Amino acid sequence: MENPEAKARMQTSTIGSLSEAQVCHPKPNLKIRGYTLIELTVVIVLIGLTVVLTVPKFRYSLLTDDLKGTVRRMIGTIRTLRNEAVRERQAFMLHFDLETNRLWVESAKATEEELAEAHSKAFQLPEGVRIMDVWSRGRGKQAAGEAAIRFTEKGYVEPSVIHLGAKDGREFTLILSPFLGKVEVLEEYVDFVGL
């Protein structure tokens, strides 16, 4: 015979006591909740609006900075000269006119007419940018007149440094590596006198 007190204290399983309606149609748990389509749409629109408003300003400031644009152009010119020197197997000179802020390229095998044409088609730096000086190991620092950097037919360049400045006081230093084909850019004036 069963003791009613023991039966009340004993836990029983509820597995077999579910009705058929509870098994077929369980109640939804209202505590678990996801994001609605409207909420996701609002977040995507806000992110898109932020990107649309900020990216053009960033691109504008990056592309319209004359000093940085000039630095990029000089790096491209130096890399192109190295490649051309190796491909054509001839020396090239990168000339700088420090008074007029112009630069041009001359081939070692150029005729007088080609030299005059290269000088007349020299790249003029933007208004607010100037070539401060050019340093090379053999000639030292040149801050006036004309300076030149030689690229050999093997693509080597004499150890050189180009200093560029802007009207707002910013200065860049471009360091040409003789053998590696690298141009190191520093956003400050680094003096190489005495090296």
C-alpha atoms as a PDB file:
ATOM      1  CA  MET A   1       0.000   0.000   0.000  1.00  0.00           C
ATOM      2  CA  GLU A   2       1.126   3.375  -0.843  1.00  0.00           C
ATOM      3  CA  ASN A   3       1.929   6.016   1.660  1.00  0.00           C
ATOM      4  CA  PRO A   4       0.190   9.290   0.655  1.00  0.00           C
ATOM      5  CA  GLU A   5       2.923  11.414   2.269  1.00  0.00           C
ATOM      6  CA  ALA A   6       5.711   9.666   0.352  1.00  0.00           C
ATOM      7  CA  LYS A   7       3.760  10.030  -2.882  1.00  0.00           C
ATOM      8  CA  ALA A   8       3.375  13.799  -2.338  1.00  0.00           C
ATOM      9  CA  ARG A   9       7.109  14.186  -1.710  1.00  0.00           C
ATOM     10  CA  MET A  10       8.130  12.094  -4.698  1.00  0.00           C
ATOM     11  CA  GLN A  11       8.549  14.023  -7.940  1.00  0.00           C
ATOM     12  CA  THR A  12       6.955  12.586 -10.977  1.00  0.00           C
ATOM     13  CA  SER A  13       7.743  13.141 -14.595  1.00  0.00           C
ATOM     14  CA  THR A  14       5.416  15.233 -16.731  1.00  0.00           C
ATOM     15  CA  ILE A  15       6.462  13.597 -19.993  1.00  0.00           C
ATOM     16  CA  GLY A  16       3.461  11.407 -20.352  1.00  0.00           C
ATOM     17  CA  SER A  17       0.966  13.936 -19.122  1.00  0.00           C
ATOM     18  CA  LEU A  18       1.037  16.429 -22.034  1.00  0.00           C
ATOM     19  CA  SER A  19      -2.149  16.679 -23.962  1.00  0.00           C
ATOM     20  CA  GLU A  20      -2.213  16.257 -27.716  1.00  0.00           C
ATOM     21  CA  ALA A  21      -2.930  19.970 -28.245  1.00  0.00           C
ATOM     22  CA  GLN A  22       0.227  20.973 -26.370  1.00  0.00           C
ATOM     23  CA  VAL A  23       2.413  18.615 -28.387  1.00  0.00           C
ATOM     24  CA  CYS A  24       1.124  19.709 -31.796  1.00  0.00           C
ATOM     25  CA  HIS A  25       0.949  23.455 -31.092  1.00  0.00           C
ATOM     26  CA  PRO A  26       3.616  24.568 -28.637  1.00  0.00           C
ATOM     27  CA  LYS A  27       3.293  28.092 -27.216  1.00  0.00           C
ATOM     28  CA  PRO A  28       5.789  30.545 -28.698  1.00  0.00           C
ATOM     29  CA  ASN A  29       8.448  31.820 -26.339  1.00  0.00           C
ATOM     30  CA  LEU A  30       7.963  35.578 -26.367  1.00  0.00           C
ATOM     31  CA  LYS A  31      11.293  36.268 -24.621  1.00  0.00           C
ATOM     32  CA  ILE A  32      13.388  35.288 -27.700  1.00  0.00           C
ATOM     33  CA  ARG A  33      13.192  38.099 -30.182  1.00  0.00           C
ATOM     34  CA  GLY A  34      15.130  39.092 -33.352  1.00  0.00           C
ATOM     35  CA  TYR A  35      15.374  42.311 -35.341  1.00  0.00           C
ATOM     36  CA  THR A  36      12.559  43.294 -37.606  1.00  0.00           C
ATOM     37  CA  LEU A  37      13.027  44.125 -41.246  1.00  0.00           C
ATOM     38  CA  ILE A  38      12.302  47.787 -40.539  1.00  0.00           C
ATOM     39  CA  GLU A  39      15.008  47.978 -37.861  1.00  0.00           C
ATOM     40  CA  LEU A  40      17.585  46.371 -40.171  1.00  0.00           C
ATOM     41  CA  THR A  41      16.609  48.706 -43.015  1.00  0.00           C
ATOM     42  CA  VAL A  42      17.009  51.793 -40.817  1.00  0.00           C
ATOM     43  CA  VAL A  43      20.483  50.683 -39.673  1.00  0.00           C
ATOM     44  CA  ILE A  44      21.630  49.971 -43.254  1.00  0.00           C
ATOM     45  CA  VAL A  45      20.326  53.361 -44.421  1.00  0.00           C
ATOM     46  CA  LEU A  46      22.188  55.148 -41.590  1.00  0.00           C
ATOM     47  CA  ILE A  47      25.439  53.337 -42.382  1.00  0.00           C
ATOM     48  CA  GLY A  48      25.055  54.124 -46.078  1.00  0.00           C
ATOM     49  CA  LEU A  49      24.354  57.784 -45.341  1.00  0.00           C
ATOM     50  CA  THR A  50      27.448  58.024 -43.146  1.00  0.00           C
ATOM     51  CA  VAL A  51      29.646  56.483 -45.847  1.00  0.00           C
ATOM     52  CA  VAL A  52      28.217  58.728 -48.565  1.00  0.00           C
ATOM     53  CA  LEU A  53      28.889  61.855 -46.516  1.00  0.00           C
ATOM     54  CA  THR A  54      32.392  61.031 -45.256  1.00  0.00           C
ATOM     55  CA  VAL A  55      34.175  59.253 -48.132  1.00  0.00           C
ATOM     56  CA  PRO A  56      34.058  62.183 -50.615  1.00  0.00           C
ATOM     57  CA  LYS A  57      35.504  64.553 -48.007  1.00  0.00           C
ATOM     58  CA  PHE A  58      38.322  62.111 -47.258  1.00  0.00           C
ATOM     59  CA  ARG A  59      39.025  61.562 -50.956  1.00  0.00           C
ATOM     60  CA  TYR A  60      38.863  65.317 -51.632  1.00  0.00           C
ATOM     61  CA  SER A  61      41.384  66.117 -48.899  1.00  0.00           C
ATOM     62  CA  LEU A  62      43.673  63.312 -50.054  1.00  0.00           C
ATOM     63  CA  LEU A  63      43.591  64.164 -53.749  1.00  0.00           C
ATOM     64  CA  THR A  64      43.630  67.962 -53.519  1.00  0.00           C
ATOM     65  CA  ASP A  65      46.613  68.246 -51.211  1.00  0.00           C
ATOM     66  CA  ASP A  66      49.204  69.678 -53.604  1.00  0.00           C
ATOM     67  CA  LEU A  67      52.202  68.693 -51.480  1.00  0.00           C
ATOM     68  CA  LYS A  68      51.154  65.046 -51.145  1.00  0.00           C
ATOM     69  CA  GLY A  69      50.221  64.953 -54.826  1.00  0.00           C
ATOM     70  CA  THR A  70      53.667  66.259 -55.742  1.00  0.00           C
ATOM     71  CA  VAL A  71      55.312  63.651 -53.504  1.00  0.00           C
ATOM     72  CA  ARG A  72      53.307  60.890 -55.213  1.00  0.00           C
ATOM     73  CA  ARG A  73      54.213  62.249 -58.647  1.00  0.00           C
ATOM     74  CA  MET A  74      57.932  62.376 -57.777  1.00  0.00           C
ATOM     75  CA  ILE A  75      57.870  58.809 -56.459  1.00  0.00           C
ATOM     76  CA  GLY A  76      56.200  57.695 -59.696  1.00  0.00           C
ATOM     77  CA  THR A  77      58.756  59.584 -61.789  1.00  0.00           C
ATOM     78  CA  ILE A  78      61.670  58.050 -59.862  1.00  0.00           C
ATOM     79  CA  ARG A  79      60.278  54.518 -60.231  1.00  0.00           C
ATOM     80  CA  THR A  80      59.618  55.069 -63.934  1.00  0.00           C
ATOM     81  CA  LEU A  81      63.154  56.383 -64.458  1.00  0.00           C
ATOM     82  CA  ARG A  82      64.695  53.333 -62.796  1.00  0.00           C
ATOM     83  CA  ASN A  83      62.616  51.003 -64.948  1.00  0.00           C
ATOM     84  CA  GLU A  84      63.378  52.953 -68.130  1.00  0.00           C
ATOM     85  CA  ALA A  85      67.108  52.980 -67.360  1.00  0.00           C
ATOM     86  CA  VAL A  86      67.157  49.199 -67.014  1.00  0.00           C
ATOM     87  CA  ARG A  87      64.871  48.578 -69.999  1.00  0.00           C
ATOM     88  CA  GLU A  88      66.652  51.003 -72.351  1.00  0.00           C
ATOM     89  CA  ARG A  89      70.117  50.230 -70.894  1.00  0.00           C
ATOM     90  CA  GLN A  90      71.046  53.868 -70.704  1.00  0.00           C
ATOM     91  CA  ALA A  91      71.560  56.446 -67.997  1.00  0.00           C
ATOM     92  CA  PHE A  92      68.983  59.118 -67.213  1.00  0.00           C
ATOM     93  CA  MET A  93      69.188  62.356 -65.267  1.00  0.00           C
ATOM     94  CA  LEU A  94      66.365  63.807 -63.189  1.00  0.00           C
ATOM     95  CA  HIS A  95      66.899  67.574 -63.209  1.00  0.00           C
ATOM     96  CA  PHE A  96      65.504  70.083 -60.727  1.00  0.00           C
ATOM     97  CA  ASP A  97      65.358  73.835 -61.244  1.00  0.00           C
ATOM     98  CA  LEU A  98      65.224  75.063 -57.655  1.00  0.00           C
ATOM     99  CA  GLU A  99      64.473  78.662 -58.644  1.00  0.00           C
ATOM    100  CA  THR A 100      61.413  77.972 -60.824  1.00  0.00           C
ATOM    101  CA  ASN A 101      60.272  74.745 -59.060  1.00  0.00           C
ATOM    102  CA  ARG A 102      60.388  72.623 -62.180  1.00  0.00           C
ATOM    103  CA  LEU A 103      61.720  69.144 -62.911  1.00  0.00           C
ATOM    104  CA  TRP A 104      62.432  67.210 -66.087  1.00  0.00           C
ATOM    105  CA  VAL A 105      64.127  64.056 -67.330  1.00  0.00           C
ATOM    106  CA  GLU A 106      67.035  63.814 -69.744  1.00  0.00           C
ATOM    107  CA  SER A 107      68.514  60.768 -71.401  1.00  0.00           C
ATOM    108  CA  ALA A 108      72.298  60.379 -71.514  1.00  0.00           C
ATOM    109  CA  LYS A 109      72.047  59.714 -75.255  1.00  0.00           C
ATOM    110  CA  ALA A 110      69.750  62.658 -76.004  1.00  0.00           C
ATOM    111  CA  THR A 111      70.573  65.126 -78.758  1.00  0.00           C
ATOM    112  CA  GLU A 112      70.701  68.891 -78.175  1.00  0.00           C
ATOM    113  CA  GLU A 113      67.179  69.222 -79.623  1.00  0.00           C
ATOM    114  CA  GLU A 114      65.836  66.499 -77.298  1.00  0.00           C
ATOM    115  CA  LEU A 115      67.487  68.170 -74.303  1.00  0.00           C
ATOM    116  CA  ALA A 116      65.916  71.518 -75.213  1.00  0.00           C
ATOM    117  CA  GLU A 117      62.523  69.865 -75.681  1.00  0.00           C
ATOM    118  CA  ALA A 118      62.768  68.065 -72.300  1.00  0.00           C
ATOM    119  CA  HIS A 119      63.663  71.348 -70.608  1.00  0.00           C
ATOM    120  CA  SER A 120      60.742  73.164 -72.249  1.00  0.00           C
ATOM    121  CA  LYS A 121      58.288  70.406 -71.222  1.00  0.00           C
ATOM    122  CA  ALA A 122      59.447  70.406 -67.590  1.00  0.00           C
ATOM    123  CA  PHE A 123      56.856  69.638 -64.936  1.00  0.00           C
ATOM    124  CA  GLN A 124      55.906  72.757 -62.981  1.00  0.00           C
ATOM    125  CA  LEU A 125      55.187  72.105 -59.311  1.00  0.00           C
ATOM    126  CA  PRO A 126      51.876  73.452 -57.968  1.00  0.00           C
ATOM    127  CA  GLU A 127      51.771  77.044 -56.688  1.00  0.00           C
ATOM    128  CA  GLY A 128      52.075  76.292 -52.965  1.00  0.00           C
ATOM    129  CA  VAL A 129      54.799  73.628 -53.269  1.00  0.00           C
ATOM    130  CA  ARG A 130      58.529  74.213 -53.642  1.00  0.00           C
ATOM    131  CA  ILE A 131      61.685  72.156 -53.940  1.00  0.00           C
ATOM    132  CA  MET A 132      63.635  73.257 -50.879  1.00  0.00           C
ATOM    133  CA  ASP A 133      66.894  71.504 -51.742  1.00  0.00           C
ATOM    134  CA  VAL A 134      68.407  68.354 -53.192  1.00  0.00           C
ATOM    135  CA  TRP A 135      71.187  66.479 -51.410  1.00  0.00           C
ATOM    136  CA  SER A 136      73.418  63.834 -52.949  1.00  0.00           C
ATOM    137  CA  ARG A 137      76.445  62.107 -51.500  1.00  0.00           C
ATOM    138  CA  GLY A 138      78.832  63.316 -54.195  1.00  0.00           C
ATOM    139  CA  ARG A 139      77.711  66.951 -54.456  1.00  0.00           C
ATOM    140  CA  GLY A 140      76.219  67.752 -51.045  1.00  0.00           C
ATOM    141  CA  LYS A 141      73.220  69.996 -50.557  1.00  0.00           C
ATOM    142  CA  GLN A 142      72.061  72.262 -53.381  1.00  0.00           C
ATOM    143  CA  ALA A 143      69.484  74.875 -52.426  1.00  0.00           C
ATOM    144  CA  ALA A 144      69.755  77.183 -55.452  1.00  0.00           C
ATOM    145  CA  GLY A 145      70.192  76.861 -59.184  1.00  0.00           C
ATOM    146  CA  GLU A 146      69.873  73.441 -60.794  1.00  0.00           C
ATOM    147  CA  ALA A 147      70.392  70.034 -59.242  1.00  0.00           C
ATOM    148  CA  ALA A 148      70.358  66.582 -60.828  1.00  0.00           C
ATOM    149  CA  ILE A 149      70.132  62.955 -59.763  1.00  0.00           C
ATOM    150  CA  ARG A 150      71.691  60.321 -62.011  1.00  0.00           C
ATOM    151  CA  PHE A 151      70.135  56.910 -62.704  1.00  0.00           C
ATOM    152  CA  THR A 152      72.577  54.372 -64.175  1.00  0.00           C
ATOM    153  CA  GLU A 153      71.797  51.893 -66.940  1.00  0.00           C
ATOM    154  CA  LYS A 154      71.476  49.208 -64.261  1.00  0.00           C
ATOM    155  CA  GLY A 155      68.811  51.196 -62.426  1.00  0.00           C
ATOM    156  CA  TYR A 156      71.050  52.331 -59.593  1.00  0.00           C
ATOM    157  CA  VAL A 157      70.767  55.846 -58.276  1.00  0.00           C
ATOM    158  CA  GLU A 158      73.284  57.839 -56.328  1.00  0.00           C
ATOM    159  CA  PRO A 159      72.280  58.200 -52.640  1.00  0.00           C
ATOM    160  CA  SER A 160      70.063  61.261 -52.727  1.00  0.00           C
ATOM    161  CA  VAL A 161      67.511  63.181 -50.718  1.00  0.00           C
ATOM    162  CA  ILE A 162      64.849  65.584 -52.003  1.00  0.00           C
ATOM    163  CA  HIS A 163      63.214  68.089 -49.646  1.00  0.00           C
ATOM    164  CA  LEU A 164      59.811  69.504 -50.534  1.00  0.00           C
ATOM    165  CA  GLY A 165      57.906  72.172 -48.636  1.00  0.00           C
ATOM    166  CA  ALA A 166      54.513  73.872 -48.710  1.00  0.00           C
ATOM    167  CA  LYS A 167      53.429  77.406 -47.882  1.00  0.00           C
ATOM    168  CA  ASP A 168      51.645  76.159 -44.758  1.00  0.00           C
ATOM    169  CA  GLY A 169      54.969  74.993 -43.263  1.00  0.00           C
ATOM    170  CA  ARG A 170      54.668  71.257 -43.935  1.00  0.00           C
ATOM    171  CA  GLU A 171      57.802  69.562 -45.225  1.00  0.00           C
ATOM    172  CA  PHE A 172      58.552  66.169 -46.760  1.00  0.00           C
ATOM    173  CA  THR A 173      61.822  64.319 -47.199  1.00  0.00           C
ATOM    174  CA  LEU A 174      62.219  61.775 -50.017  1.00  0.00           C
ATOM    175  CA  ILE A 175      65.173  59.414 -49.505  1.00  0.00           C
ATOM    176  CA  LEU A 176      66.296  57.508 -52.617  1.00  0.00           C
ATOM    177  CA  SER A 177      67.808  54.126 -51.894  1.00  0.00           C
ATOM    178  CA  PRO A 178      70.716  53.411 -54.277  1.00  0.00           C
ATOM    179  CA  PHE A 179      70.151  49.698 -54.909  1.00  0.00           C
ATOM    180  CA  LEU A 180      66.705  48.710 -53.659  1.00  0.00           C
ATOM    181  CA  GLY A 181      64.578  50.901 -55.884  1.00  0.00           C
ATOM    182  CA  LYS A 182      62.774  52.272 -52.848  1.00  0.00           C
ATOM    183  CA  VAL A 183      61.838  55.823 -52.000  1.00  0.00           C
ATOM    184  CA  GLU A 184      61.364  56.445 -48.296  1.00  0.00           C
ATOM    185  CA  VAL A 185      59.026  59.337 -47.483  1.00  0.00           C
ATOM    186  CA  LEU A 186      59.254  61.219 -44.199  1.00  0.00           C
ATOM    187  CA  GLU A 187      56.744  63.898 -43.237  1.00  0.00           C
ATOM    188  CA  GLU A 188      59.432  66.165 -41.825  1.00  0.00           C
ATOM    189  CA  TYR A 189      62.664  67.799 -42.899  1.00  0.00           C
ATOM    190  CA  VAL A 190      65.599  65.471 -42.246  1.00  0.00           C
ATOM    191  CA  ASP A 191      68.993  67.051 -42.866  1.00  0.00           C
ATOM    192  CA  PHE A 192      71.701  64.873 -44.457  1.00  0.00           C
ATOM    193  CA  VAL A 193      74.578  67.323 -44.345  1.00  0.00           C
ATOM    194  CA  GLY A 194      77.816  65.631 -43.344  1.00  0.00           C
ATOM    195  CA  LEU A 195      76.835  62.086 -44.296  1.00  0.00           C
END
